[in-house]
Amino acid sequence: MIHTTIGLYANGSFKINGVLPEHLTDHIQYNLDMRPGRSFFVDGKCKNKGYHTDQEIKEFEERIKNDIKFKAVKCTAPYV
């Protein structure tokens, strides 16, 4: 299984990563520690709100929920 993580920046741009299960815990912690202002989603659910409002988070979750372009299919290490 590949986990999908998405970092959403304040300007609306985002970065998608495909993360191996054995890397997921460290990947999440790194993003929470090193990119606290960026919203961070794991498999479609917000793990860090960052600078976004609750409404913006809800809208982005809806946007990515059923869109296959927001689903990673392979590992993208090294992660960014």
N, C-alpha and C. Protein backbone atom coordinates (compact mmCIF):
# COMPACT_ATOMS: atom_id res chain seq x y z
N MET A 1 0.84 -1.19 0.00
CA MET A 1 0.00 0.00 0.00
C MET A 1 0.88 1.24 0.00
N ILE A 2 0.47 2.22 -0.75
CA ILE A 2 1.13 3.52 -0.78
C ILE A 2 0.17 4.54 -0.16
N HIS A 3 0.67 5.29 0.81
CA HIS A 3 -0.12 6.36 1.43
C HIS A 3 0.09 7.63 0.63
N THR A 4 -0.96 8.41 0.51
CA THR A 4 -0.89 9.69 -0.18
C THR A 4 -0.83 10.81 0.84
N THR A 5 0.21 11.64 0.75
CA THR A 5 0.27 12.83 1.59
C THR A 5 0.29 14.05 0.69
N ILE A 6 -0.37 15.09 1.17
CA ILE A 6 -0.45 16.33 0.41
C ILE A 6 -0.14 17.49 1.34
N GLY A 7 0.82 18.29 0.94
CA GLY A 7 1.12 19.53 1.65
C GLY A 7 0.50 20.68 0.89
N LEU A 8 -0.37 21.42 1.55
CA LEU A 8 -1.09 22.53 0.92
C LEU A 8 -0.54 23.85 1.46
N TYR A 9 -0.04 24.68 0.55
CA TYR A 9 0.55 25.96 0.93
C TYR A 9 -0.51 27.06 0.96
N ALA A 10 -0.18 28.16 1.62
CA ALA A 10 -1.12 29.27 1.78
C ALA A 10 -1.60 29.84 0.45
N ASN A 11 -0.75 29.76 -0.59
CA ASN A 11 -1.12 30.32 -1.90
C ASN A 11 -1.97 29.36 -2.74
N GLY A 12 -2.29 28.18 -2.18
CA GLY A 12 -3.11 27.21 -2.89
C GLY A 12 -2.33 26.15 -3.65
N SER A 13 -1.03 26.32 -3.78
CA SER A 13 -0.23 25.28 -4.43
C SER A 13 -0.08 24.11 -3.46
N PHE A 14 0.28 22.95 -3.99
CA PHE A 14 0.39 21.78 -3.14
C PHE A 14 1.45 20.83 -3.69
N LYS A 15 1.88 19.93 -2.83
CA LYS A 15 2.85 18.90 -3.18
C LYS A 15 2.29 17.56 -2.73
N ILE A 16 2.27 16.59 -3.65
CA ILE A 16 1.77 15.25 -3.35
C ILE A 16 2.95 14.29 -3.25
N ASN A 17 2.90 13.43 -2.24
CA ASN A 17 3.90 12.37 -2.09
C ASN A 17 3.21 11.02 -1.95
N GLY A 18 3.83 10.00 -2.49
CA GLY A 18 3.44 8.62 -2.26
C GLY A 18 4.42 8.05 -1.24
N VAL A 19 3.91 7.62 -0.10
CA VAL A 19 4.76 7.25 1.03
C VAL A 19 4.56 5.78 1.41
N LEU A 20 5.66 5.08 1.54
CA LEU A 20 5.62 3.69 1.97
C LEU A 20 5.16 3.61 3.42
N PRO A 21 4.43 2.55 3.80
CA PRO A 21 3.95 2.43 5.17
C PRO A 21 5.05 2.55 6.22
N GLU A 22 6.21 1.98 5.94
CA GLU A 22 7.30 2.01 6.91
C GLU A 22 7.93 3.40 7.06
N HIS A 23 7.62 4.31 6.17
CA HIS A 23 8.14 5.68 6.25
C HIS A 23 7.11 6.67 6.78
N LEU A 24 5.86 6.25 6.88
CA LEU A 24 4.77 7.19 7.14
C LEU A 24 4.91 7.94 8.46
N THR A 25 5.20 7.27 9.54
CA THR A 25 5.29 7.93 10.84
C THR A 25 6.35 9.03 10.83
N ASP A 26 7.54 8.71 10.33
CA ASP A 26 8.60 9.71 10.26
C ASP A 26 8.26 10.84 9.28
N HIS A 27 7.62 10.50 8.18
CA HIS A 27 7.22 11.51 7.19
C HIS A 27 6.23 12.50 7.79
N ILE A 28 5.25 11.99 8.50
CA ILE A 28 4.26 12.86 9.16
C ILE A 28 4.96 13.76 10.17
N GLN A 29 5.78 13.18 11.03
CA GLN A 29 6.44 13.96 12.07
C GLN A 29 7.34 15.04 11.48
N TYR A 30 8.07 14.70 10.44
CA TYR A 30 8.92 15.68 9.77
C TYR A 30 8.10 16.87 9.27
N ASN A 31 6.99 16.58 8.62
CA ASN A 31 6.16 17.66 8.07
C ASN A 31 5.53 18.51 9.17
N LEU A 32 5.11 17.91 10.26
CA LEU A 32 4.54 18.67 11.37
C LEU A 32 5.61 19.56 12.02
N ASP A 33 6.82 19.05 12.14
CA ASP A 33 7.90 19.80 12.78
C ASP A 33 8.51 20.87 11.87
N MET A 34 8.75 20.53 10.62
CA MET A 34 9.50 21.40 9.73
C MET A 34 8.64 22.32 8.86
N ARG A 35 7.38 21.99 8.71
CA ARG A 35 6.49 22.81 7.87
C ARG A 35 5.17 23.08 8.60
N PRO A 36 5.24 23.71 9.77
CA PRO A 36 4.03 23.88 10.58
C PRO A 36 2.97 24.79 9.97
N GLY A 37 3.36 25.69 9.08
CA GLY A 37 2.39 26.59 8.45
C GLY A 37 1.64 25.97 7.29
N ARG A 38 2.19 24.91 6.76
CA ARG A 38 1.58 24.23 5.62
C ARG A 38 0.54 23.24 6.13
N SER A 39 -0.63 23.25 5.52
CA SER A 39 -1.62 22.23 5.87
C SER A 39 -1.13 20.89 5.35
N PHE A 40 -1.42 19.83 6.07
CA PHE A 40 -0.88 18.52 5.72
C PHE A 40 -1.97 17.47 5.82
N PHE A 41 -2.14 16.72 4.73
CA PHE A 41 -3.19 15.71 4.63
C PHE A 41 -2.56 14.34 4.41
N VAL A 42 -3.12 13.35 5.08
CA VAL A 42 -2.68 11.97 4.91
C VAL A 42 -3.90 11.16 4.50
N ASP A 43 -3.81 10.54 3.34
CA ASP A 43 -4.91 9.74 2.80
C ASP A 43 -6.24 10.48 2.87
N GLY A 44 -6.20 11.76 2.51
CA GLY A 44 -7.41 12.57 2.38
C GLY A 44 -7.88 13.26 3.63
N LYS A 45 -7.22 13.03 4.75
CA LYS A 45 -7.65 13.64 6.02
C LYS A 45 -6.59 14.61 6.53
N CYS A 46 -7.03 15.73 7.03
CA CYS A 46 -6.12 16.77 7.51
C CYS A 46 -5.46 16.34 8.82
N LYS A 47 -4.13 16.41 8.85
CA LYS A 47 -3.36 16.13 10.05
C LYS A 47 -2.81 17.40 10.67
N ASN A 48 -2.71 18.47 9.88
CA ASN A 48 -2.25 19.76 10.36
C ASN A 48 -2.93 20.85 9.55
N LYS A 49 -3.63 21.73 10.24
CA LYS A 49 -4.39 22.78 9.59
C LYS A 49 -3.51 23.90 9.04
N GLY A 50 -2.35 24.11 9.63
CA GLY A 50 -1.48 25.18 9.16
C GLY A 50 -2.17 26.52 9.22
N TYR A 51 -1.95 27.35 8.19
CA TYR A 51 -2.52 28.69 8.15
C TYR A 51 -3.94 28.72 7.58
N HIS A 52 -4.46 27.60 7.16
CA HIS A 52 -5.78 27.57 6.53
C HIS A 52 -6.91 27.58 7.55
N THR A 53 -8.05 28.09 7.12
CA THR A 53 -9.23 28.10 7.97
C THR A 53 -9.90 26.73 7.94
N ASP A 54 -10.79 26.51 8.88
CA ASP A 54 -11.55 25.25 8.89
C ASP A 54 -12.32 25.08 7.59
N GLN A 55 -12.88 26.15 7.08
CA GLN A 55 -13.65 26.09 5.83
C GLN A 55 -12.74 25.72 4.65
N GLU A 56 -11.55 26.31 4.59
CA GLU A 56 -10.61 25.99 3.51
C GLU A 56 -10.18 24.53 3.58
N ILE A 57 -9.98 24.03 4.78
CA ILE A 57 -9.61 22.62 4.95
C ILE A 57 -10.74 21.73 4.46
N LYS A 58 -11.95 22.03 4.86
CA LYS A 58 -13.11 21.25 4.44
C LYS A 58 -13.24 21.25 2.92
N GLU A 59 -13.08 22.40 2.30
CA GLU A 59 -13.19 22.51 0.85
C GLU A 59 -12.09 21.71 0.14
N PHE A 60 -10.87 21.74 0.67
CA PHE A 60 -9.79 20.98 0.04
C PHE A 60 -10.02 19.49 0.21
N GLU A 61 -10.48 19.06 1.39
CA GLU A 61 -10.79 17.64 1.58
C GLU A 61 -11.85 17.17 0.60
N GLU A 62 -12.85 18.00 0.35
CA GLU A 62 -13.88 17.65 -0.64
C GLU A 62 -13.29 17.58 -2.04
N ARG A 63 -12.42 18.52 -2.35
CA ARG A 63 -11.78 18.58 -3.68
C ARG A 63 -10.98 17.31 -3.97
N ILE A 64 -10.26 16.80 -2.98
CA ILE A 64 -9.37 15.67 -3.21
C ILE A 64 -10.02 14.32 -2.98
N LYS A 65 -11.20 14.31 -2.39
CA LYS A 65 -11.83 13.06 -1.95
C LYS A 65 -11.96 12.01 -3.04
N ASN A 66 -12.47 12.34 -4.16
CA ASN A 66 -12.75 11.36 -5.21
C ASN A 66 -12.03 11.62 -6.52
N ASP A 67 -10.98 12.39 -6.47
CA ASP A 67 -10.23 12.75 -7.68
C ASP A 67 -8.94 11.93 -7.73
N ILE A 68 -8.81 11.08 -8.73
CA ILE A 68 -7.67 10.16 -8.79
C ILE A 68 -6.32 10.88 -8.95
N LYS A 69 -6.33 12.12 -9.40
CA LYS A 69 -5.05 12.82 -9.51
C LYS A 69 -4.49 13.18 -8.13
N PHE A 70 -5.29 13.02 -7.08
CA PHE A 70 -4.83 13.24 -5.71
C PHE A 70 -4.59 11.92 -4.98
N LYS A 71 -4.31 10.88 -5.72
CA LYS A 71 -4.05 9.55 -5.15
C LYS A 71 -2.72 9.06 -5.70
N ALA A 72 -1.73 8.90 -4.81
CA ALA A 72 -0.42 8.43 -5.23
C ALA A 72 -0.49 6.93 -5.51
N VAL A 73 0.24 6.50 -6.52
CA VAL A 73 0.25 5.08 -6.89
C VAL A 73 1.64 4.45 -6.77
N LYS A 74 2.64 5.31 -6.48
CA LYS A 74 4.00 4.78 -6.29
C LYS A 74 4.73 5.64 -5.27
N CYS A 75 5.78 5.07 -4.73
CA CYS A 75 6.62 5.78 -3.75
C CYS A 75 7.35 6.92 -4.45
N THR A 76 7.36 8.08 -3.84
CA THR A 76 8.03 9.24 -4.42
C THR A 76 9.28 9.65 -3.62
N ALA A 77 9.81 8.75 -2.82
CA ALA A 77 11.02 9.07 -2.04
C ALA A 77 12.14 9.46 -3.00
N PRO A 78 12.96 10.43 -2.66
CA PRO A 78 12.95 11.17 -1.40
C PRO A 78 11.79 12.17 -1.38
N TYR A 79 11.14 12.23 -0.26
CA TYR A 79 9.93 13.05 -0.11
C TYR A 79 10.29 14.53 0.01
N VAL A 80 9.41 15.38 -0.54
CA VAL A 80 9.59 16.82 -0.42
C VAL A 80 8.33 17.47 0.11
